[in-house]
Amino acid sequence: MRDKREKFVELAEKRVNNILKQLELVGNLGNKSNYEYTEEDYRKMFQVIDKGIRQMKKRFEDTGSDGKKFKL
């Protein structure tokens, strides 16, 4: 069981750090002296990023669930 925990920690640290770096790079696109974009452009970007985060969170929250709702 400990091996699974160690692997999780190793991969989580690596993958979260990669995400943080990529978010920093996307944030650099906000520099109007280097790039031109519309409000619609960045709203679309944030919409798809937010959707990806929601889907990822759902996978952690739904672990072990078969997707069915409990009902009496």
PDB file of N, CA and C in Angstrom:
ATOM      1  N   MET A   1       0.832  -1.197   0.000  1.00  0.00           N
ATOM      2  CA  MET A   1       0.000   0.000   0.000  1.00  0.00           C
ATOM      3  C   MET A   1       0.875   1.259   0.000  1.00  0.00           C
ATOM      4  N   ARG A   2       2.005   1.196   0.685  1.00  0.00           N
ATOM      5  CA  ARG A   2       2.880   2.363   0.765  1.00  0.00           C
ATOM      6  C   ARG A   2       3.413   2.745  -0.612  1.00  0.00           C
ATOM      7  N   ASP A   3       3.651   1.766  -1.462  1.00  0.00           N
ATOM      8  CA  ASP A   3       4.143   2.062  -2.803  1.00  0.00           C
ATOM      9  C   ASP A   3       3.158   2.918  -3.583  1.00  0.00           C
ATOM     10  N   LYS A   4       1.868   2.661  -3.425  1.00  0.00           N
ATOM     11  CA  LYS A   4       0.850   3.463  -4.116  1.00  0.00           C
ATOM     12  C   LYS A   4       0.881   4.904  -3.631  1.00  0.00           C
ATOM     13  N   ARG A   5       1.064   5.091  -2.324  1.00  0.00           N
ATOM     14  CA  ARG A   5       1.138   6.442  -1.757  1.00  0.00           C
ATOM     15  C   ARG A   5       2.363   7.182  -2.272  1.00  0.00           C
ATOM     16  N   GLU A   6       3.485   6.504  -2.269  1.00  0.00           N
ATOM     17  CA  GLU A   6       4.719   7.126  -2.759  1.00  0.00           C
ATOM     18  C   GLU A   6       4.590   7.520  -4.230  1.00  0.00           C
ATOM     19  N   LYS A   7       3.998   6.651  -5.011  1.00  0.00           N
ATOM     20  CA  LYS A   7       3.810   6.943  -6.440  1.00  0.00           C
ATOM     21  C   LYS A   7       2.867   8.122  -6.627  1.00  0.00           C
ATOM     22  N   PHE A   8       1.793   8.163  -5.816  1.00  0.00           N
ATOM     23  CA  PHE A   8       0.851   9.285  -5.892  1.00  0.00           C
ATOM     24  C   PHE A   8       1.567  10.589  -5.583  1.00  0.00           C
ATOM     25  N   VAL A   9       2.331  10.623  -4.502  1.00  0.00           N
ATOM     26  CA  VAL A   9       3.036  11.852  -4.099  1.00  0.00           C
ATOM     27  C   VAL A   9       4.009  12.285  -5.187  1.00  0.00           C
ATOM     28  N   GLU A  10       4.750  11.338  -5.708  1.00  0.00           N
ATOM     29  CA  GLU A  10       5.730  11.643  -6.757  1.00  0.00           C
ATOM     30  C   GLU A  10       5.048  12.255  -7.994  1.00  0.00           C
ATOM     31  N   LEU A  11       4.002  11.579  -8.457  1.00  0.00           N
ATOM     32  CA  LEU A  11       3.315  12.060  -9.665  1.00  0.00           C
ATOM     33  C   LEU A  11       2.538  13.345  -9.403  1.00  0.00           C
ATOM     34  N   ALA A  12       1.896  13.453  -8.239  1.00  0.00           N
ATOM     35  CA  ALA A  12       1.125  14.654  -7.922  1.00  0.00           C
ATOM     36  C   ALA A  12       2.030  15.876  -7.892  1.00  0.00           C
ATOM     37  N   GLU A  13       3.183  15.770  -7.237  1.00  0.00           N
ATOM     38  CA  GLU A  13       4.105  16.906  -7.176  1.00  0.00           C
ATOM     39  C   GLU A  13       4.571  17.307  -8.566  1.00  0.00           C
ATOM     40  N   LYS A  14       4.933  16.327  -9.362  1.00  0.00           N
ATOM     41  CA  LYS A  14       5.419  16.604 -10.709  1.00  0.00           C
ATOM     42  C   LYS A  14       4.327  17.232 -11.579  1.00  0.00           C
ATOM     43  N   ARG A  15       3.146  16.640 -11.538  1.00  0.00           N
ATOM     44  CA  ARG A  15       2.071  17.109 -12.419  1.00  0.00           C
ATOM     45  C   ARG A  15       1.516  18.466 -11.989  1.00  0.00           C
ATOM     46  N   VAL A  16       1.385  18.682 -10.692  1.00  0.00           N
ATOM     47  CA  VAL A  16       0.883  19.986 -10.224  1.00  0.00           C
ATOM     48  C   VAL A  16       1.901  21.077 -10.540  1.00  0.00           C
ATOM     49  N   ASN A  17       3.179  20.790 -10.351  1.00  0.00           N
ATOM     50  CA  ASN A  17       4.199  21.779 -10.703  1.00  0.00           C
ATOM     51  C   ASN A  17       4.188  22.085 -12.195  1.00  0.00           C
ATOM     52  N   ASN A  18       3.946  21.065 -13.026  1.00  0.00           N
ATOM     53  CA  ASN A  18       3.831  21.290 -14.472  1.00  0.00           C
ATOM     54  C   ASN A  18       2.638  22.187 -14.786  1.00  0.00           C
ATOM     55  N   ILE A  19       1.517  21.931 -14.128  1.00  0.00           N
ATOM     56  CA  ILE A  19       0.321  22.755 -14.351  1.00  0.00           C
ATOM     57  C   ILE A  19       0.595  24.200 -13.951  1.00  0.00           C
ATOM     58  N   LEU A  20       1.233  24.391 -12.793  1.00  0.00           N
ATOM     59  CA  LEU A  20       1.530  25.746 -12.329  1.00  0.00           C
ATOM     60  C   LEU A  20       2.424  26.487 -13.321  1.00  0.00           C
ATOM     61  N   LYS A  21       3.409  25.796 -13.871  1.00  0.00           N
ATOM     62  CA  LYS A  21       4.288  26.412 -14.867  1.00  0.00           C
ATOM     63  C   LYS A  21       3.500  26.784 -16.119  1.00  0.00           C
ATOM     64  N   GLN A  22       2.640  25.886 -16.577  1.00  0.00           N
ATOM     65  CA  GLN A  22       1.840  26.176 -17.769  1.00  0.00           C
ATOM     66  C   GLN A  22       0.873  27.334 -17.528  1.00  0.00           C
ATOM     67  N   LEU A  23       0.293  27.404 -16.318  1.00  0.00           N
ATOM     68  CA  LEU A  23      -0.588  28.524 -15.998  1.00  0.00           C
ATOM     69  C   LEU A  23       0.186  29.840 -16.016  1.00  0.00           C
ATOM     70  N   GLU A  24       1.410  29.799 -15.534  1.00  0.00           N
ATOM     71  CA  GLU A  24       2.250  30.999 -15.581  1.00  0.00           C
ATOM     72  C   GLU A  24       2.477  31.431 -17.027  1.00  0.00           C
ATOM     73  N   LEU A  25       2.749  30.458 -17.890  1.00  0.00           N
ATOM     74  CA  LEU A  25       2.972  30.763 -19.307  1.00  0.00           C
ATOM     75  C   LEU A  25       1.712  31.319 -19.961  1.00  0.00           C
ATOM     76  N   VAL A  26       0.556  30.748 -19.647  1.00  0.00           N
ATOM     77  CA  VAL A  26      -0.705  31.280 -20.183  1.00  0.00           C
ATOM     78  C   VAL A  26      -0.910  32.698 -19.654  1.00  0.00           C
ATOM     79  N   GLY A  27      -0.599  32.911 -18.378  1.00  0.00           N
ATOM     80  CA  GLY A  27      -0.724  34.248 -17.791  1.00  0.00           C
ATOM     81  C   GLY A  27       0.130  35.279 -18.503  1.00  0.00           C
ATOM     82  N   ASN A  28       1.288  34.848 -19.018  1.00  0.00           N
ATOM     83  CA  ASN A  28       2.146  35.772 -19.765  1.00  0.00           C
ATOM     84  C   ASN A  28       1.448  36.326 -21.000  1.00  0.00           C
ATOM     85  N   LEU A  29       0.464  35.602 -21.518  1.00  0.00           N
ATOM     86  CA  LEU A  29      -0.277  36.084 -22.691  1.00  0.00           C
ATOM     87  C   LEU A  29      -1.079  37.337 -22.377  1.00  0.00           C
ATOM     88  N   GLY A  30      -1.259  37.647 -21.091  1.00  0.00           N
ATOM     89  CA  GLY A  30      -2.002  38.837 -20.691  1.00  0.00           C
ATOM     90  C   GLY A  30      -1.227  40.126 -20.872  1.00  0.00           C
ATOM     91  N   ASN A  31       0.009  40.046 -21.299  1.00  0.00           N
ATOM     92  CA  ASN A  31       0.834  41.236 -21.504  1.00  0.00           C
ATOM     93  C   ASN A  31       0.438  41.912 -22.820  1.00  0.00           C
ATOM     94  N   LYS A  32      -0.337  42.978 -22.685  1.00  0.00           N
ATOM     95  CA  LYS A  32      -0.872  43.659 -23.880  1.00  0.00           C
ATOM     96  C   LYS A  32       0.218  44.326 -24.719  1.00  0.00           C
ATOM     97  N   SER A  33       1.404  44.537 -24.158  1.00  0.00           N
ATOM     98  CA  SER A  33       2.466  45.134 -24.974  1.00  0.00           C
ATOM     99  C   SER A  33       3.069  44.106 -25.937  1.00  0.00           C
ATOM    100  N   ASN A  34       2.833  42.817 -25.657  1.00  0.00           N
ATOM    101  CA  ASN A  34       3.348  41.765 -26.539  1.00  0.00           C
ATOM    102  C   ASN A  34       2.270  41.056 -27.345  1.00  0.00           C
ATOM    103  N   TYR A  35       1.026  41.103 -26.876  1.00  0.00           N
ATOM    104  CA  TYR A  35      -0.048  40.341 -27.517  1.00  0.00           C
ATOM    105  C   TYR A  35      -1.299  41.182 -27.650  1.00  0.00           C
ATOM    106  N   GLU A  36      -2.107  40.812 -28.612  1.00  0.00           N
ATOM    107  CA  GLU A  36      -3.403  41.464 -28.813  1.00  0.00           C
ATOM    108  C   GLU A  36      -4.487  40.404 -28.692  1.00  0.00           C
ATOM    109  N   TYR A  37      -5.489  40.679 -27.875  1.00  0.00           N
ATOM    110  CA  TYR A  37      -6.577  39.726 -27.654  1.00  0.00           C
ATOM    111  C   TYR A  37      -7.830  40.497 -27.252  1.00  0.00           C
ATOM    112  N   THR A  38      -8.952  39.823 -27.387  1.00  0.00           N
ATOM    113  CA  THR A  38     -10.222  40.433 -27.006  1.00  0.00           C
ATOM    114  C   THR A  38     -10.691  39.855 -25.678  1.00  0.00           C
ATOM    115  N   GLU A  39     -11.681  40.489 -25.106  1.00  0.00           N
ATOM    116  CA  GLU A  39     -12.287  39.973 -23.880  1.00  0.00           C
ATOM    117  C   GLU A  39     -12.881  38.589 -24.146  1.00  0.00           C
ATOM    118  N   GLU A  40     -13.470  38.417 -25.325  1.00  0.00           N
ATOM    119  CA  GLU A  40     -14.041  37.123 -25.690  1.00  0.00           C
ATOM    120  C   GLU A  40     -12.962  36.044 -25.728  1.00  0.00           C
ATOM    121  N   ASP A  41     -11.772  36.392 -26.230  1.00  0.00           N
ATOM    122  CA  ASP A  41     -10.665  35.432 -26.290  1.00  0.00           C
ATOM    123  C   ASP A  41     -10.322  34.900 -24.901  1.00  0.00           C
ATOM    124  N   TYR A  42     -10.093  35.806 -23.959  1.00  0.00           N
ATOM    125  CA  TYR A  42      -9.677  35.317 -22.646  1.00  0.00           C
ATOM    126  C   TYR A  42     -10.826  34.705 -21.872  1.00  0.00           C
ATOM    127  N   ARG A  43     -12.055  35.132 -22.132  1.00  0.00           N
ATOM    128  CA  ARG A  43     -13.198  34.467 -21.491  1.00  0.00           C
ATOM    129  C   ARG A  43     -13.308  33.014 -21.944  1.00  0.00           C
ATOM    130  N   LYS A  44     -13.072  32.774 -23.234  1.00  0.00           N
ATOM    131  CA  LYS A  44     -13.092  31.405 -23.757  1.00  0.00           C
ATOM    132  C   LYS A  44     -11.991  30.573 -23.120  1.00  0.00           C
ATOM    133  N   MET A  45     -10.801  31.165 -22.978  1.00  0.00           N
ATOM    134  CA  MET A  45      -9.687  30.446 -22.357  1.00  0.00           C
ATOM    135  C   MET A  45     -10.036  30.057 -20.929  1.00  0.00           C
ATOM    136  N   PHE A  46     -10.539  31.019 -20.152  1.00  0.00           N
ATOM    137  CA  PHE A  46     -10.854  30.742 -18.756  1.00  0.00           C
ATOM    138  C   PHE A  46     -12.009  29.760 -18.631  1.00  0.00           C
ATOM    139  N   GLN A  47     -12.948  29.827 -19.547  1.00  0.00           N
ATOM    140  CA  GLN A  47     -14.084  28.911 -19.517  1.00  0.00           C
ATOM    141  C   GLN A  47     -13.610  27.465 -19.676  1.00  0.00           C
ATOM    142  N   VAL A  48     -12.734  27.219 -20.631  1.00  0.00           N
ATOM    143  CA  VAL A  48     -12.269  25.849 -20.861  1.00  0.00           C
ATOM    144  C   VAL A  48     -11.332  25.399 -19.733  1.00  0.00           C
ATOM    145  N   ILE A  49     -10.534  26.304 -19.186  1.00  0.00           N
ATOM    146  CA  ILE A  49      -9.664  25.960 -18.053  1.00  0.00           C
ATOM    147  C   ILE A  49     -10.515  25.635 -16.834  1.00  0.00           C
ATOM    148  N   ASP A  50     -11.523  26.472 -16.556  1.00  0.00           N
ATOM    149  CA  ASP A  50     -12.420  26.211 -15.424  1.00  0.00           C
ATOM    150  C   ASP A  50     -13.135  24.875 -15.581  1.00  0.00           C
ATOM    151  N   LYS A  51     -13.573  24.562 -16.795  1.00  0.00           N
ATOM    152  CA  LYS A  51     -14.258  23.291 -17.040  1.00  0.00           C
ATOM    153  C   LYS A  51     -13.324  22.121 -16.764  1.00  0.00           C
ATOM    154  N   GLY A  52     -12.078  22.233 -17.206  1.00  0.00           N
ATOM    155  CA  GLY A  52     -11.105  21.181 -16.954  1.00  0.00           C
ATOM    156  C   GLY A  52     -10.855  20.973 -15.468  1.00  0.00           C
ATOM    157  N   ILE A  53     -10.790  22.059 -14.714  1.00  0.00           N
ATOM    158  CA  ILE A  53     -10.582  21.960 -13.267  1.00  0.00           C
ATOM    159  C   ILE A  53     -11.787  21.311 -12.603  1.00  0.00           C
ATOM    160  N   ARG A  54     -12.989  21.697 -13.008  1.00  0.00           N
ATOM    161  CA  ARG A  54     -14.201  21.084 -12.438  1.00  0.00           C
ATOM    162  C   ARG A  54     -14.235  19.585 -12.706  1.00  0.00           C
ATOM    163  N   GLN A  55     -13.877  19.179 -13.925  1.00  0.00           N
ATOM    164  CA  GLN A  55     -13.867  17.757 -14.271  1.00  0.00           C
ATOM    165  C   GLN A  55     -12.834  17.003 -13.448  1.00  0.00           C
ATOM    166  N   MET A  56     -11.670  17.603 -13.250  1.00  0.00           N
ATOM    167  CA  MET A  56     -10.630  16.963 -12.459  1.00  0.00           C
ATOM    168  C   MET A  56     -11.080  16.809 -11.009  1.00  0.00           C
ATOM    169  N   LYS A  57     -11.664  17.861 -10.428  1.00  0.00           N
ATOM    170  CA  LYS A  57     -12.142  17.797  -9.050  1.00  0.00           C
ATOM    171  C   LYS A  57     -13.206  16.726  -8.893  1.00  0.00           C
ATOM    172  N   LYS A  58     -14.071  16.615  -9.888  1.00  0.00           N
ATOM    173  CA  LYS A  58     -15.148  15.620  -9.849  1.00  0.00           C
ATOM    174  C   LYS A  58     -14.577  14.205  -9.792  1.00  0.00           C
ATOM    175  N   ARG A  59     -13.477  13.962 -10.495  1.00  0.00           N
ATOM    176  CA  ARG A  59     -12.859  12.632 -10.467  1.00  0.00           C
ATOM    177  C   ARG A  59     -12.368  12.284  -9.076  1.00  0.00           C
ATOM    178  N   PHE A  60     -11.882  13.265  -8.324  1.00  0.00           N
ATOM    179  CA  PHE A  60     -11.438  13.004  -6.954  1.00  0.00           C
ATOM    180  C   PHE A  60     -12.640  12.819  -6.033  1.00  0.00           C
ATOM    181  N   GLU A  61     -13.674  13.610  -6.225  1.00  0.00           N
ATOM    182  CA  GLU A  61     -14.843  13.554  -5.355  1.00  0.00           C
ATOM    183  C   GLU A  61     -15.688  12.310  -5.614  1.00  0.00           C
ATOM    184  N   ASP A  62     -15.693  11.807  -6.836  1.00  0.00           N
ATOM    185  CA  ASP A  62     -16.531  10.672  -7.210  1.00  0.00           C
ATOM    186  C   ASP A  62     -15.801   9.337  -7.140  1.00  0.00           C
ATOM    187  N   THR A  63     -14.611   9.301  -6.597  1.00  0.00           N
ATOM    188  CA  THR A  63     -13.850   8.056  -6.535  1.00  0.00           C
ATOM    189  C   THR A  63     -14.675   6.968  -5.858  1.00  0.00           C
ATOM    190  N   GLY A  64     -14.799   5.841  -6.535  1.00  0.00           N
ATOM    191  CA  GLY A  64     -15.550   4.723  -5.986  1.00  0.00           C
ATOM    192  C   GLY A  64     -17.029   4.773  -6.308  1.00  0.00           C
ATOM    193  N   SER A  65     -17.487   5.832  -6.911  1.00  0.00           N
ATOM    194  CA  SER A  65     -18.903   5.959  -7.250  1.00  0.00           C
ATOM    195  C   SER A  65     -19.158   5.339  -8.608  1.00  0.00           C
ATOM    196  N   ASP A  66     -20.328   4.728  -8.754  1.00  0.00           N
ATOM    197  CA  ASP A  66     -20.681   4.169 -10.068  1.00  0.00           C
ATOM    198  C   ASP A  66     -21.500   5.158 -10.879  1.00  0.00           C
ATOM    199  N   GLY A  67     -21.636   6.390 -10.384  1.00  0.00           N
ATOM    200  CA  GLY A  67     -22.342   7.426 -11.116  1.00  0.00           C
ATOM    201  C   GLY A  67     -23.844   7.440 -10.874  1.00  0.00           C
ATOM    202  N   LYS A  68     -24.361   6.493 -10.099  1.00  0.00           N
ATOM    203  CA  LYS A  68     -25.791   6.431  -9.816  1.00  0.00           C
ATOM    204  C   LYS A  68     -26.102   7.204  -8.542  1.00  0.00           C
ATOM    205  N   LYS A  69     -27.257   7.787  -8.502  1.00  0.00           N
ATOM    206  CA  LYS A  69     -27.699   8.537  -7.331  1.00  0.00           C
ATOM    207  C   LYS A  69     -28.474   7.614  -6.401  1.00  0.00           C
ATOM    208  N   PHE A  70     -28.322   7.861  -5.106  1.00  0.00           N
ATOM    209  CA  PHE A  70     -29.080   7.112  -4.116  1.00  0.00           C
ATOM    210  C   PHE A  70     -30.480   7.672  -4.028  1.00  0.00           C
ATOM    211  N   LYS A  71     -31.465   6.803  -4.014  1.00  0.00           N
ATOM    212  CA  LYS A  71     -32.850   7.241  -3.918  1.00  0.00           C
ATOM    213  C   LYS A  71     -33.656   6.158  -3.212  1.00  0.00           C
ATOM    214  N   LEU A  72     -34.475   6.568  -2.276  1.00  0.00           N
ATOM    215  CA  LEU A  72     -35.343   5.617  -1.560  1.00  0.00           C
ATOM    216  C   LEU A  72     -36.644   5.417  -2.288  1.00  0.00           C
TER     217      LEU A  72
END
